[in-house]
Amino acid sequence: MSGGLMAVPMTADEWLDALRAEGVTDIVEMPGWRTHNRNSVGPWGDVHATMVHHTAGEGSGLPAWCYSGNSELPGPLCHDFLARSGRLYLVGNGRANHAGRVARNAYNAVLNEQDNHPAPGPDELDGNAVSYGLECENSGAADRPWPKVQYDVAVRVQAARCRFHGWSADSVWAHKEATRRKPLDPRIPMDTFREDVAERLRHPASWNPGDKPPTTPPPVTPRPTPEEKPVALPTSDLARIALAMLGYRNKKADEASVKKTGRRIPDVYGYITGTYTTVQAIAADLKKLVALLNAQKEK
């Protein structure tokens, strides 16, 4: 995918909203994190990358270390710190000392959202100005895997950044992909990690791995209405039905009413009466016609 979309960095409130929408609920806001940054010593933004790091050490003091840093490398050392428990600490908002100098070809890969991330060349660019940074608690040892809950939250964090800015998962990079100085940071397969971020981005932010897609019920094919089969009735029933029909009377259906109003005959008796009247009139007219014809013959 071709990218190149630079973005204004997220505000603190936008970041919190994006995290919660993505299902990150175990969040600790460290005191002053909303304004804790290195903006006074270097540029921050526009951005188009979000980086994954490991801490290369473990322990309860890591959130404070990421927040404060030390005299040689002042904090914040990342934007967010993710403990092995899956708890996310919000550390800084703005420029942070996490990426340092990065290779131009590595940055171009995330800037243009390439699906391949080349081995980094020489460090030429200020990575802290253009990239978010997520520090994840892990010793970096080959036999020290990431807990499932920690990995899941890391994917959600990076998906939240990408979803907000409209980036693809190829805007996610590792520190080891950005510079030759950190060849193992972090020790996870980044192509797999990006695919997991991409999978989240194919779903709404509320999606969870293992959720079944909504099923569409199959179309209902109307069943043909069965043809009505004739039912043989006993002669006694037919006679009873006929008598009931003939016996039903509407007082307005007599011969006089039909002649006077010309309305539709509303019952069997009225229909018979009307028919009889019509037949009698035709018979009378026919009788007159025959008489006229006979009279003509006699002349």
Foldseek 3Di string as FASTA:
>chain_A
DFALDFADFDQPVLLVVLLVLLPQDQEAEDPPQRAQADVVPDAADRAQAAEEFEPLADDPCVLVCCQAPDPVAGDVQAQWEAELVLHIYGRHGTQGNHQAFFAPQQQNQRSGLPLDQDQGDAGDDGPSRHYHYYYYYDNQDPPTDRDPSRLVSVLSSLLSVCVVSVHALSSYYYSCSTHVVCVPGDVDPVSVSSVSNNVCVVDGSNDDPPDDPDDDDDDDDDDDDDDDDDDDDDPVVVVVVVCVQCPDDDPCLAPVNCVPPVDDRDGDPSVVRVVVVVVVVVVVVVVVVVVVVVVVVVD
